[in-house]
Amino acid sequence: MKMNHTNWKAIGLRLAFVLSVMLVGCSQASENSVEQENQPKGVGDEDEDKSNTQGHAIDEGGNDTVKSSDDDMEDAVQEKISSMTIEEKVGQMLMFGFEGTQMNDKTSGFIQENHIGGVILFERNITDSKQLFNLNRELKELNTNSQNIPLFISVDEEGGSVTRMPPQIVNLPDSKAIGDQNNLELAFQVGEAIGERVNAFGFNVAMAPVMDINSNLNNPVIGDRSFGDNKHIVSEMGVQEMEGIESKGVIPVIKHFPGHGDTDVDSHLGLPVLHHDMKRLRRIEFLPFQNAIDQQADMTMVAHILLSEIDSKDPSSLSKNVITSMLREELGFNGVVITDDMTMGAILENYDIGKATVKAVQAGNDIVLVCHGDENKLKAVNSLTEAVKNGTIKEERIDESVMRILSLKDKYNLSHSTLNKLDVDKINQSSEEILQKLQGN
């Protein structure tokens, strides 16, 4: 069931990636307000009037043939890819975490030298509202100086136990509390609140919603992060939250395919094993993901779970059977696929990080997520780059992923521009309204 909300998802298709000029001015900030001035132009700003128009050509028979703006965007992205080096393409396929609460020479040098296409922030990177706002501004400034492709700036923000917001921000309820209400409007409102707070701090990717069905009471990693143990409630609440996030111009990430809800091992520590066959997966675990894909989900995170009946050798995140055959071909997902963190125990206890990175791309992932360890990040970069150069992975395969990545960045109009203002009180008001609704019920 889908709410009749205005779809703000397609914010505007852009024709080309344009090098932005960063002119940022800082003004005095109070505890609840941070001001930035002199916004530079974003990607495609010069073509704003053109983005919703269609080009026309006349064929020899005299009939008008229409070239859609989708085709125009695809041509522009393809042209961009043809001008990129292997190193630049590989960089777009990596998303890294880093240490510290501000940019230092080591971190900034690594991001610039390796053309990294995305970053993820954790609690270790955040102290307060002003610091987080300025850190994301620093990241955009750094990226502007090194490449003309906007940066994915992502964060895990689910509400409940999984939040990365500064202490000044009122936390949202966990997904189970929302699922217990079985209220579609409330789920959409939670998605709006997630999108609002993420966007306000300069993030453009929210690692939510959780689409796992919490069917195993001994599950040590999902629990109240799930909307519940009813597959239909999880499916409907998850899609509403996804669309609420989208409505604020933020890219949601549905996770953790093919479903982490029936595991009894925490994949942060070891490799969970499930013995479900395809009949069971289609009947239960796939339902929320299929529903989200049918509603045009843009990004999916794949879990580190060994499906013994599907691929007895490699976990889902490294399995072509799972990512290419199941997610892409059977469920029809054409968006960006990202691994869960490759430095989790499920991978590092069983694989060399470099070899695992190559294997992940061969399986069909578009982005490899490496959240911890400078050595791990360096191995991922070098191993993937070498695999392309020596022919282990064909460059055409890399181009497929870069096409999806750049198209998604363009679709959401990601840019180098920084925000004007942070209003903590406004963010908290949204959270408090949701909490009041829960208390009223």
Protein backbone atom coordinates (compact mmCIF):
# COMPACT_ATOMS: atom_id res chain seq x y z
CA MET A 1 0.00 0.00 0.00
CA LYS A 2 1.43 3.35 -0.99
CA MET A 3 0.61 6.76 0.49
CA ASN A 4 -0.59 9.49 -1.81
CA HIS A 5 2.32 11.80 -1.09
CA THR A 6 3.85 14.14 -3.60
CA ASN A 7 6.85 12.47 -5.08
CA TRP A 8 9.80 14.77 -4.65
CA LYS A 9 12.17 12.07 -5.65
CA ALA A 10 13.11 13.34 -9.11
CA ILE A 11 14.49 16.71 -8.03
CA GLY A 12 15.80 17.51 -11.44
CA LEU A 13 17.84 15.71 -14.05
CA ARG A 14 21.02 17.48 -14.97
CA LEU A 15 22.63 17.45 -18.40
CA ALA A 16 26.33 17.48 -17.48
CA PHE A 17 28.77 17.65 -14.64
CA VAL A 18 30.05 21.25 -14.43
CA LEU A 19 33.10 22.24 -12.42
CA SER A 20 31.86 24.24 -9.44
CA VAL A 21 33.69 27.26 -8.03
CA MET A 22 33.67 27.27 -4.26
CA LEU A 23 33.29 30.68 -2.63
CA VAL A 24 32.40 30.05 0.96
CA GLY A 25 32.09 32.69 3.67
CA CYS A 26 31.63 31.88 7.30
CA SER A 27 29.56 33.95 9.68
CA GLN A 28 29.06 33.90 13.40
CA ALA A 29 27.24 30.83 14.72
CA SER A 30 25.16 30.45 17.87
CA GLU A 31 24.50 27.14 19.58
CA ASN A 32 21.38 26.61 17.52
CA SER A 33 22.31 28.34 14.28
CA VAL A 34 25.27 28.07 11.91
CA GLU A 35 25.45 30.47 8.97
CA GLN A 36 27.41 30.10 5.70
CA GLU A 37 27.43 32.64 2.89
CA ASN A 38 28.29 32.88 -0.79
CA GLN A 39 27.04 29.57 -2.08
CA PRO A 40 28.80 28.41 -5.24
CA LYS A 41 26.93 26.93 -8.14
CA GLY A 42 26.12 23.25 -7.96
CA VAL A 43 26.41 20.61 -10.60
CA GLY A 44 24.32 21.57 -13.58
CA ASP A 45 23.13 24.90 -12.11
CA GLU A 46 23.92 26.72 -15.32
CA ASP A 47 21.61 24.34 -17.15
CA GLU A 48 18.72 24.64 -14.71
CA ASP A 49 16.30 25.96 -17.29
CA LYS A 50 17.23 23.15 -19.65
CA SER A 51 16.89 20.23 -17.25
CA ASN A 52 13.16 19.78 -17.73
CA THR A 53 13.07 20.39 -21.47
CA GLN A 54 13.27 17.91 -24.29
CA GLY A 55 15.37 18.16 -27.40
CA HIS A 56 13.67 17.61 -30.77
CA ALA A 57 15.04 16.24 -34.00
CA ILE A 58 13.36 16.01 -37.40
CA ASP A 59 13.62 12.70 -39.21
CA GLU A 60 13.66 12.41 -42.99
CA GLY A 61 9.96 11.64 -43.05
CA GLY A 62 9.17 14.97 -41.45
CA ASN A 63 7.95 13.52 -38.13
CA ASP A 64 9.11 14.96 -34.81
CA THR A 65 11.13 12.51 -32.73
CA VAL A 66 11.67 13.38 -29.10
CA LYS A 67 14.90 12.82 -27.21
CA SER A 68 14.00 12.72 -23.52
CA SER A 69 15.96 14.47 -20.80
CA ASP A 70 16.73 10.97 -19.45
CA ASP A 71 18.57 10.23 -22.68
CA ASP A 72 20.32 13.59 -22.50
CA MET A 73 21.52 12.82 -18.97
CA GLU A 74 22.72 9.36 -19.97
CA ASP A 75 24.68 10.83 -22.88
CA ALA A 76 26.25 13.47 -20.63
CA VAL A 77 27.24 10.91 -17.99
CA GLN A 78 28.64 8.59 -20.65
CA GLU A 79 30.72 11.43 -22.03
CA LYS A 80 32.02 12.14 -18.54
CA ILE A 81 32.99 8.50 -18.02
CA SER A 82 34.88 8.40 -21.32
CA SER A 83 37.11 11.23 -20.05
CA MET A 84 37.94 9.56 -16.72
CA THR A 85 41.09 7.60 -15.89
CA ILE A 86 40.95 4.12 -14.39
CA GLU A 87 42.01 5.58 -11.06
CA GLU A 88 39.17 8.10 -11.15
CA LYS A 89 36.63 5.41 -11.97
CA VAL A 90 37.87 3.13 -9.20
CA GLY A 91 37.69 6.02 -6.74
CA GLN A 92 34.00 6.51 -7.47
CA MET A 93 33.40 2.88 -6.50
CA LEU A 94 34.81 3.29 -3.01
CA MET A 95 33.23 4.77 0.11
CA PHE A 96 35.48 5.20 3.14
CA GLY A 97 35.29 6.09 6.80
CA PHE A 98 38.04 8.10 8.45
CA GLU A 99 39.31 9.10 11.86
CA GLY A 100 39.03 12.48 13.52
CA THR A 101 36.52 15.30 13.84
CA GLN A 102 38.06 17.50 11.17
CA MET A 103 40.05 17.16 7.98
CA ASN A 104 43.78 16.61 8.42
CA ASP A 105 46.51 16.38 5.80
CA LYS A 106 46.57 12.57 5.88
CA THR A 107 42.85 12.12 5.35
CA SER A 108 42.46 14.90 2.81
CA GLY A 109 45.50 13.71 0.87
CA PHE A 110 44.16 10.17 0.69
CA ILE A 111 40.73 11.28 -0.52
CA GLN A 112 42.17 13.61 -3.15
CA GLU A 113 44.94 11.34 -4.42
CA ASN A 114 42.60 8.39 -4.85
CA HIS A 115 39.59 10.34 -6.19
CA ILE A 116 37.34 8.79 -3.54
CA GLY A 117 33.66 9.08 -4.47
CA GLY A 118 32.02 8.76 -1.06
CA VAL A 119 32.58 8.98 2.68
CA ILE A 120 30.68 7.79 5.73
CA LEU A 121 30.72 9.46 9.14
CA PHE A 122 30.43 7.76 12.53
CA GLU A 123 30.12 8.81 16.15
CA ARG A 124 33.91 9.11 16.28
CA ASN A 125 33.72 11.95 13.75
CA ILE A 126 31.07 14.01 15.57
CA THR A 127 31.18 16.15 18.71
CA ASP A 128 28.45 18.78 18.35
CA SER A 129 26.15 20.42 15.82
CA LYS A 130 28.45 23.23 14.71
CA GLN A 131 31.42 20.88 14.34
CA LEU A 132 29.44 18.39 12.21
CA PHE A 133 28.02 21.13 10.02
CA ASN A 134 31.51 22.51 9.39
CA LEU A 135 33.08 19.07 8.88
CA ASN A 136 30.73 18.28 6.02
CA ARG A 137 31.44 21.72 4.58
CA GLU A 138 35.16 20.91 4.75
CA LEU A 139 34.55 17.65 2.91
CA LYS A 140 32.74 19.43 0.09
CA GLU A 141 35.45 22.07 -0.16
CA LEU A 142 38.13 19.38 -0.27
CA ASN A 143 36.31 17.47 -2.98
CA THR A 144 35.77 20.62 -5.04
CA ASN A 145 39.50 21.22 -5.11
CA SER A 146 40.28 17.71 -6.36
CA GLN A 147 37.50 16.68 -8.75
CA ASN A 148 34.34 17.99 -10.40
CA ILE A 149 32.16 15.06 -9.30
CA PRO A 150 30.14 15.64 -6.12
CA LEU A 151 30.84 13.46 -3.11
CA PHE A 152 28.47 10.98 -1.47
CA ILE A 153 28.43 12.02 2.20
CA SER A 154 26.62 9.29 4.10
CA VAL A 155 25.56 8.41 7.61
CA ASP A 156 23.76 5.62 9.48
CA GLU A 157 20.64 7.34 10.80
CA GLU A 158 17.83 4.95 11.66
CA GLY A 159 16.60 6.34 14.96
CA GLY A 160 16.68 4.39 18.21
CA SER A 161 20.01 2.71 18.90
CA VAL A 162 21.51 3.58 15.51
CA THR A 163 21.94 7.33 15.29
CA ARG A 164 24.97 9.49 14.54
CA MET A 165 23.43 12.86 15.31
CA PRO A 166 25.12 15.31 17.72
CA PRO A 167 23.89 15.37 21.34
CA GLN A 168 21.86 18.55 20.69
CA ILE A 169 19.52 16.61 18.39
CA VAL A 170 16.48 14.81 19.81
CA ASN A 171 16.64 11.16 18.78
CA LEU A 172 13.89 9.55 16.74
CA PRO A 173 12.16 6.37 17.93
CA ASP A 174 13.42 2.98 16.77
CA SER A 175 11.77 1.25 13.84
CA LYS A 176 9.98 -1.30 16.04
CA ALA A 177 8.07 1.50 17.77
CA ILE A 178 6.91 2.70 14.35
CA GLY A 179 6.07 -0.79 13.16
CA ASP A 180 4.03 -1.44 16.30
CA GLN A 181 1.78 1.48 15.31
CA ASN A 182 1.38 0.12 11.77
CA ASN A 183 0.67 3.69 10.66
CA LEU A 184 1.75 4.53 7.12
CA GLU A 185 1.54 8.27 7.63
CA LEU A 186 3.70 8.08 10.74
CA ALA A 187 6.32 5.98 8.91
CA PHE A 188 6.46 8.56 6.13
CA GLN A 189 6.81 11.33 8.72
CA VAL A 190 9.74 9.51 10.32
CA GLY A 191 11.37 9.27 6.90
CA GLU A 192 10.85 13.00 6.42
CA ALA A 193 12.47 13.67 9.80
CA ILE A 194 15.46 11.47 8.94
CA GLY A 195 15.84 13.20 5.58
CA GLU A 196 15.47 16.64 7.14
CA ARG A 197 18.16 16.16 9.79
CA VAL A 198 20.56 14.39 7.44
CA ASN A 199 20.16 17.08 4.79
CA ALA A 200 20.45 19.91 7.33
CA PHE A 201 23.94 18.79 8.32
CA GLY A 202 25.12 18.42 4.72
CA PHE A 203 24.71 14.66 4.26
CA ASN A 204 23.14 13.41 1.04
CA VAL A 205 22.89 9.66 1.77
CA ALA A 206 21.00 8.06 4.67
CA MET A 207 21.77 4.41 5.37
CA ALA A 208 18.11 3.63 6.07
CA PRO A 209 15.50 2.14 6.12
CA VAL A 210 16.11 -1.32 7.56
CA MET A 211 14.10 -3.84 5.52
CA ASP A 212 15.04 -6.89 7.59
CA ILE A 213 12.20 -8.92 9.10
CA ASN A 214 13.04 -9.63 12.74
CA SER A 215 11.92 -13.24 12.61
CA ASN A 216 14.57 -14.64 14.98
CA LEU A 217 14.25 -13.54 18.60
CA ASN A 218 17.90 -14.51 19.16
CA ASN A 219 19.08 -12.12 16.45
CA PRO A 220 21.91 -10.09 18.04
CA VAL A 221 22.19 -7.35 15.41
CA ILE A 222 18.72 -6.38 14.14
CA GLY A 223 16.12 -6.47 16.93
CA ASP A 224 14.29 -3.16 17.31
CA ARG A 225 16.09 -1.78 14.26
CA SER A 226 13.46 -3.72 12.30
CA PHE A 227 9.83 -2.65 11.91
CA GLY A 228 8.90 -6.05 13.30
CA ASP A 229 8.39 -9.73 12.55
CA ASN A 230 5.47 -9.27 10.13
CA LYS A 231 6.73 -9.20 6.55
CA HIS A 232 3.84 -7.04 5.33
CA ILE A 233 4.27 -4.41 8.07
CA VAL A 234 8.04 -4.29 7.47
CA SER A 235 7.43 -3.93 3.75
CA GLU A 236 4.85 -1.16 4.02
CA MET A 237 6.55 0.82 6.81
CA GLY A 238 9.93 0.53 5.11
CA VAL A 239 8.69 1.87 1.78
CA GLN A 240 6.96 4.80 3.47
CA GLU A 241 10.11 5.69 5.40
CA MET A 242 12.15 5.38 2.19
CA GLU A 243 9.84 7.77 0.37
CA GLY A 244 9.86 10.19 3.29
CA ILE A 245 13.67 10.33 3.16
CA GLU A 246 13.55 10.88 -0.59
CA SER A 247 11.09 13.75 -0.18
CA LYS A 248 13.86 15.75 1.51
CA GLY A 249 16.29 15.27 -1.37
CA VAL A 250 18.32 12.59 0.43
CA ILE A 251 19.23 9.19 -1.06
CA PRO A 252 17.88 6.33 1.08
CA VAL A 253 19.65 2.98 1.25
CA ILE A 254 17.47 -0.09 1.80
CA LYS A 255 19.31 -2.72 3.85
CA HIS A 256 20.47 -5.46 4.49
CA PHE A 257 19.74 -7.60 1.41
CA PRO A 258 18.91 -10.48 1.23
CA GLY A 259 17.67 -10.14 4.84
CA HIS A 260 19.52 -10.18 8.18
CA GLY A 261 16.50 -10.82 10.37
CA ASP A 262 16.77 -14.59 10.87
CA THR A 263 20.46 -14.73 11.75
CA ASP A 264 21.87 -15.64 15.17
CA VAL A 265 25.39 -14.29 14.58
CA ASP A 266 26.40 -10.62 14.51
CA SER A 267 28.17 -10.08 11.17
CA HIS A 268 30.31 -7.40 12.84
CA LEU A 269 31.96 -10.30 14.69
CA GLY A 270 31.58 -13.37 12.48
CA LEU A 271 29.89 -14.81 9.41
CA PRO A 272 26.18 -15.67 9.85
CA VAL A 273 24.92 -18.73 7.96
CA LEU A 274 21.35 -19.22 6.75
CA HIS A 275 20.06 -22.41 5.15
CA HIS A 276 16.99 -20.92 3.47
CA ASP A 277 16.23 -22.04 -0.06
CA MET A 278 14.85 -19.81 -2.80
CA LYS A 279 11.26 -20.75 -1.99
CA ARG A 280 11.64 -19.47 1.57
CA LEU A 281 13.55 -16.33 0.51
CA ARG A 282 10.90 -15.42 -2.06
CA ARG A 283 8.10 -16.00 0.44
CA ILE A 284 9.54 -13.98 3.33
CA GLU A 285 12.91 -12.19 3.19
CA PHE A 286 12.58 -10.79 -0.34
CA LEU A 287 9.15 -9.20 0.10
CA PRO A 288 10.19 -5.84 1.66
CA PHE A 289 13.06 -5.45 -0.80
CA GLN A 290 10.89 -6.31 -3.78
CA ASN A 291 8.28 -3.79 -2.65
CA ALA A 292 10.91 -1.06 -2.29
CA ILE A 293 12.41 -1.91 -5.69
CA ASP A 294 8.95 -1.73 -7.25
CA GLN A 295 8.71 1.77 -5.76
CA GLN A 296 11.97 2.82 -7.45
CA ALA A 297 14.51 2.30 -4.66
CA ASP A 298 17.82 3.86 -5.67
CA MET A 299 20.44 2.13 -3.48
CA THR A 300 20.63 -1.26 -1.77
CA MET A 301 23.13 -2.46 0.83
CA VAL A 302 24.10 -6.14 0.73
CA ALA A 303 24.80 -8.00 3.98
CA HIS A 304 27.62 -10.37 4.87
CA ILE A 305 25.47 -13.51 5.20
CA LEU A 306 26.30 -16.96 3.85
CA LEU A 307 23.24 -18.44 2.13
CA SER A 308 24.36 -22.05 2.07
CA GLU A 309 21.66 -23.17 -0.37
CA ILE A 310 22.44 -20.35 -2.82
CA ASP A 311 26.22 -19.98 -2.57
CA SER A 312 27.97 -22.34 -0.17
CA LYS A 313 31.34 -20.64 -0.61
CA ASP A 314 30.95 -16.86 -0.42
CA PRO A 315 28.74 -14.51 1.64
CA SER A 316 26.03 -12.51 -0.10
CA SER A 317 28.21 -9.42 -0.38
CA LEU A 318 30.75 -11.36 -2.45
CA SER A 319 28.33 -13.65 -4.30
CA LYS A 320 27.40 -13.22 -7.95
CA ASN A 321 24.52 -15.64 -7.37
CA VAL A 322 23.05 -13.26 -4.79
CA ILE A 323 23.82 -9.83 -6.27
CA THR A 324 23.63 -10.41 -10.01
CA SER A 325 21.27 -13.38 -10.31
CA MET A 326 18.92 -12.64 -7.40
CA LEU A 327 18.98 -8.89 -6.72
CA ARG A 328 19.48 -7.61 -10.24
CA GLU A 329 17.93 -10.26 -12.48
CA GLU A 330 15.15 -11.75 -10.35
CA LEU A 331 14.11 -8.73 -8.27
CA GLY A 332 14.85 -6.30 -11.11
CA PHE A 333 17.02 -3.84 -9.19
CA ASN A 334 18.83 -1.45 -11.53
CA GLY A 335 20.17 1.02 -8.97
CA VAL A 336 23.41 1.27 -7.02
CA VAL A 337 24.47 -1.73 -4.93
CA ILE A 338 26.81 -1.14 -2.00
CA THR A 339 28.41 -3.67 0.33
CA ASP A 340 28.08 -3.52 4.06
CA ASP A 341 31.32 -2.51 5.78
CA MET A 342 34.09 -4.75 4.50
CA THR A 343 36.05 -4.39 7.75
CA MET A 344 33.42 -6.33 9.70
CA GLY A 345 34.45 -9.65 11.18
CA ALA A 346 32.38 -11.62 8.65
CA ILE A 347 34.87 -10.51 5.97
CA LEU A 348 38.17 -9.80 7.73
CA GLU A 349 38.08 -13.10 9.63
CA ASN A 350 37.76 -15.01 6.36
CA TYR A 351 39.25 -12.91 3.53
CA ASP A 352 42.09 -10.61 2.63
CA ILE A 353 40.50 -7.16 2.27
CA GLY A 354 42.11 -6.55 -1.12
CA LYS A 355 40.94 -9.83 -2.59
CA ALA A 356 37.51 -9.35 -1.04
CA THR A 357 37.20 -5.92 -2.68
CA VAL A 358 37.91 -7.38 -6.11
CA LYS A 359 35.52 -10.25 -5.47
CA ALA A 360 32.80 -7.82 -4.38
CA VAL A 361 32.99 -5.94 -7.68
CA GLN A 362 33.09 -9.15 -9.69
CA ALA A 363 29.91 -10.22 -7.86
CA GLY A 364 28.10 -7.07 -9.01
CA ASN A 365 28.58 -4.44 -6.31
CA ASP A 366 28.92 -0.85 -7.50
CA ILE A 367 30.41 0.55 -4.29
CA VAL A 368 32.68 -1.12 -1.75
CA LEU A 369 32.31 0.27 1.78
CA VAL A 370 35.47 0.30 3.93
CA CYS A 371 34.86 2.02 7.25
CA HIS A 372 37.98 1.35 9.32
CA GLY A 373 41.75 1.18 8.98
CA ASP A 374 44.10 3.11 6.71
CA GLU A 375 45.79 -0.09 5.58
CA ASN A 376 42.43 -1.63 4.67
CA LYS A 377 41.49 1.39 2.58
CA LEU A 378 44.83 1.42 0.78
CA LYS A 379 44.56 -2.30 -0.01
CA ALA A 380 41.06 -1.81 -1.39
CA VAL A 381 42.20 1.01 -3.69
CA ASN A 382 45.33 -0.72 -4.92
CA SER A 383 43.77 -4.15 -5.38
CA LEU A 384 40.79 -2.88 -7.36
CA THR A 385 42.94 -0.59 -9.51
CA GLU A 386 45.40 -3.38 -10.29
CA ALA A 387 42.56 -5.81 -11.08
CA VAL A 388 41.26 -3.44 -13.75
CA LYS A 389 44.69 -2.73 -15.18
CA ASN A 390 45.67 -6.40 -15.44
CA GLY A 391 42.34 -7.43 -16.94
CA THR A 392 41.02 -9.42 -13.96
CA ILE A 393 38.07 -7.03 -14.10
CA LYS A 394 37.23 -5.56 -17.48
CA GLU A 395 37.06 -1.79 -17.67
CA GLU A 396 33.61 -2.14 -19.25
CA ARG A 397 32.44 -3.74 -16.00
CA ILE A 398 33.79 -0.75 -14.04
CA ASP A 399 32.07 1.63 -16.45
CA GLU A 400 28.71 -0.02 -15.69
CA SER A 401 29.05 0.79 -12.01
CA VAL A 402 30.37 4.30 -12.55
CA MET A 403 27.43 4.94 -14.86
CA ARG A 404 24.99 3.99 -12.10
CA ILE A 405 26.88 6.04 -9.50
CA LEU A 406 27.17 9.22 -11.56
CA SER A 407 23.58 8.93 -12.75
CA LEU A 408 22.37 8.70 -9.15
CA LYS A 409 24.44 11.71 -8.11
CA ASP A 410 22.99 13.62 -11.03
CA LYS A 411 19.44 12.45 -10.33
CA TYR A 412 19.55 13.90 -6.82
CA ASN A 413 21.33 17.01 -8.02
CA LEU A 414 24.30 16.51 -5.70
CA SER A 415 26.57 19.51 -5.83
CA HIS A 416 29.62 21.13 -4.27
CA SER A 417 27.52 23.90 -2.73
CA THR A 418 27.35 24.25 1.04
CA LEU A 419 24.35 24.97 3.20
CA ASN A 420 23.33 28.44 4.35
CA LYS A 421 21.96 27.67 7.77
CA LEU A 422 21.50 24.99 10.40
CA ASP A 423 18.38 25.24 12.55
CA VAL A 424 18.62 22.76 15.41
CA ASP A 425 15.29 23.83 16.90
CA LYS A 426 13.46 23.04 13.65
CA ILE A 427 15.03 19.56 13.50
CA ASN A 428 14.08 18.85 17.10
CA GLN A 429 10.52 20.05 16.55
CA SER A 430 10.01 17.33 13.93
CA SER A 431 11.30 14.68 16.33
CA GLU A 432 9.17 15.90 19.20
CA GLU A 433 6.02 15.85 17.07
CA ILE A 434 6.67 12.19 16.24
CA LEU A 435 7.35 11.30 19.87
CA GLN A 436 4.15 13.04 20.94
CA LYS A 437 2.17 11.01 18.39
CA LEU A 438 3.62 7.79 19.80
CA GLN A 439 2.83 8.82 23.35
CA GLY A 440 -0.70 9.80 22.33
CA ASN A 441 -1.29 6.30 21.00
